[in-house]
Amino acid sequence: MRPSNAMLLAVTVSLFTTLTPAYALADSYGALAYSPSTGASGWSHSYSTRSAAESSALRGCQPYARDCRVAIWFVNACGAIATGPDGWGSGWGDTRARAEYEAMQVCKRYSQGCEILRWQCSGAR
């Protein structure tokens, strides 16, 4: 007995609707690195692990400064760094705007005149 085209179509659709959500749920990590002494930064997005995202962000910063550090890491979200003359801050959120807001709030604890230095999102934003 040979399967009908309708049966093959139903099986194909069933496979795609059950497999697609698993793929969509894969975590996507990102990170921002920052040097307080030089203002250099590095960033990463779309990594499968936190460690890989942090390493990539540090590699982007370290050629320009010796004191680079991971300022923020995030998963399926966004991160931002805000800087001012007397300090800096970082934050994360589910949108770029939220991440920037959080970074500005932290920076304002240490400095006036804070501005967003860098933002990055990881995953579908």
Protein backbone atom coordinates (compact mmCIF):
# COMPACT_ATOMS: atom_id res chain seq x y z
CA MET A 1 0.00 0.00 0.00
CA ARG A 2 1.43 3.33 -1.07
CA PRO A 3 0.98 6.48 1.12
CA SER A 4 -1.09 9.30 -0.38
CA ASN A 5 0.26 12.76 -1.01
CA ALA A 6 -2.02 14.08 1.73
CA MET A 7 -0.54 11.60 4.21
CA LEU A 8 3.05 12.59 3.27
CA LEU A 9 2.17 16.26 3.59
CA ALA A 10 0.63 15.70 7.03
CA VAL A 11 3.72 13.84 8.26
CA THR A 12 6.05 16.54 6.89
CA VAL A 13 4.06 19.36 8.49
CA SER A 14 3.95 17.47 11.77
CA LEU A 15 7.73 17.04 11.77
CA PHE A 16 8.41 20.70 11.06
CA THR A 17 6.01 21.97 13.71
CA THR A 18 7.52 19.73 16.38
CA LEU A 19 11.17 20.30 15.47
CA THR A 20 11.09 24.05 14.87
CA PRO A 21 10.28 25.08 18.49
CA ALA A 22 13.26 23.09 19.80
CA TYR A 23 15.56 24.96 17.43
CA ALA A 24 14.01 28.31 18.29
CA LEU A 25 14.59 27.69 22.00
CA ALA A 26 18.38 27.33 21.64
CA ASP A 27 20.09 29.84 23.95
CA SER A 28 22.08 32.63 22.36
CA TYR A 29 24.73 34.24 24.58
CA GLY A 30 26.43 37.58 24.22
CA ALA A 31 28.80 39.71 26.27
CA LEU A 32 30.34 43.16 26.47
CA ALA A 33 33.88 43.80 27.70
CA TYR A 34 35.18 47.18 28.85
CA SER A 35 38.43 48.86 29.88
CA PRO A 36 37.89 51.56 32.51
CA SER A 37 41.32 53.09 31.84
CA THR A 38 41.09 53.48 28.06
CA GLY A 39 37.39 53.18 27.25
CA ALA A 40 38.09 50.32 24.85
CA SER A 41 35.33 47.78 24.42
CA GLY A 42 34.65 44.43 22.85
CA TRP A 43 31.42 42.60 22.19
CA SER A 44 29.95 39.31 21.10
CA HIS A 45 26.60 37.82 20.23
CA SER A 46 25.05 34.54 19.09
CA TYR A 47 27.32 32.15 20.99
CA SER A 48 26.10 28.82 22.35
CA THR A 49 27.82 29.27 25.73
CA ARG A 50 28.46 32.09 28.17
CA SER A 51 32.16 31.25 28.27
CA ALA A 52 32.55 31.53 24.50
CA ALA A 53 30.68 34.84 24.43
CA GLU A 54 32.81 36.30 27.23
CA SER A 55 36.06 35.13 25.62
CA SER A 56 35.11 36.68 22.29
CA ALA A 57 34.20 40.02 23.89
CA LEU A 58 37.50 40.09 25.80
CA ARG A 59 39.45 39.29 22.61
CA GLY A 60 37.87 42.33 20.99
CA CYS A 61 38.93 44.63 23.82
CA GLN A 62 42.34 43.31 24.87
CA PRO A 63 44.36 44.58 21.88
CA TYR A 64 43.58 48.10 23.09
CA ALA A 65 43.88 47.83 26.87
CA ARG A 66 45.35 45.69 29.63
CA ASP A 67 42.47 46.04 32.07
CA CYS A 68 39.58 44.74 29.95
CA ARG A 69 36.92 42.93 31.92
CA VAL A 70 33.56 41.42 31.14
CA ALA A 71 31.12 44.20 31.97
CA ILE A 72 27.96 42.19 31.31
CA TRP A 73 26.85 38.92 29.78
CA PHE A 74 23.36 38.08 28.58
CA VAL A 75 21.38 35.22 27.11
CA ASN A 76 18.53 35.71 24.63
CA ALA A 77 18.60 39.39 25.57
CA CYS A 78 20.55 42.63 25.16
CA GLY A 79 23.38 44.26 27.09
CA ALA A 80 24.71 47.82 27.25
CA ILE A 81 27.56 49.87 28.72
CA ALA A 82 27.15 53.51 29.73
CA THR A 83 30.12 55.73 30.58
CA GLY A 84 30.62 59.11 32.20
CA PRO A 85 33.62 61.20 33.25
CA ASP A 86 33.72 59.64 36.73
CA GLY A 87 32.40 56.12 36.24
CA TRP A 88 30.52 53.60 34.18
CA GLY A 89 27.76 51.03 34.40
CA SER A 90 26.34 48.08 32.55
CA GLY A 91 22.92 46.53 32.30
CA TRP A 92 20.85 44.01 30.43
CA GLY A 93 17.25 43.67 29.36
CA ASP A 94 14.93 41.92 26.97
CA THR A 95 15.24 44.86 24.54
CA ARG A 96 17.98 47.29 23.57
CA ALA A 97 16.07 50.14 25.19
CA ARG A 98 15.78 48.27 28.50
CA ALA A 99 19.47 47.33 28.50
CA GLU A 100 20.45 50.94 27.81
CA TYR A 101 18.14 52.19 30.56
CA GLU A 102 19.63 49.78 33.11
CA ALA A 103 23.21 50.70 32.12
CA MET A 104 22.41 54.42 32.44
CA GLN A 105 20.89 53.93 35.91
CA VAL A 106 24.04 52.18 37.15
CA CYS A 107 26.36 54.74 35.54
CA LYS A 108 24.43 57.63 37.13
CA ARG A 109 25.31 56.25 40.58
CA TYR A 110 28.97 57.05 39.86
CA SER A 111 28.97 59.89 37.37
CA GLN A 112 26.98 62.64 35.73
CA GLY A 113 26.85 63.07 31.97
CA CYS A 114 26.56 59.34 31.22
CA GLU A 115 26.17 58.20 27.63
CA ILE A 116 25.74 54.80 26.04
CA LEU A 117 29.10 53.54 24.81
CA ARG A 118 28.01 50.21 23.34
CA TRP A 119 25.01 47.91 23.13
CA GLN A 120 24.53 44.45 21.68
CA CYS A 121 21.69 41.94 21.46
CA SER A 122 21.87 38.19 21.20
CA GLY A 123 19.11 36.08 19.75
CA ALA A 124 16.00 37.36 18.04
CA ARG A 125 15.41 40.92 19.28
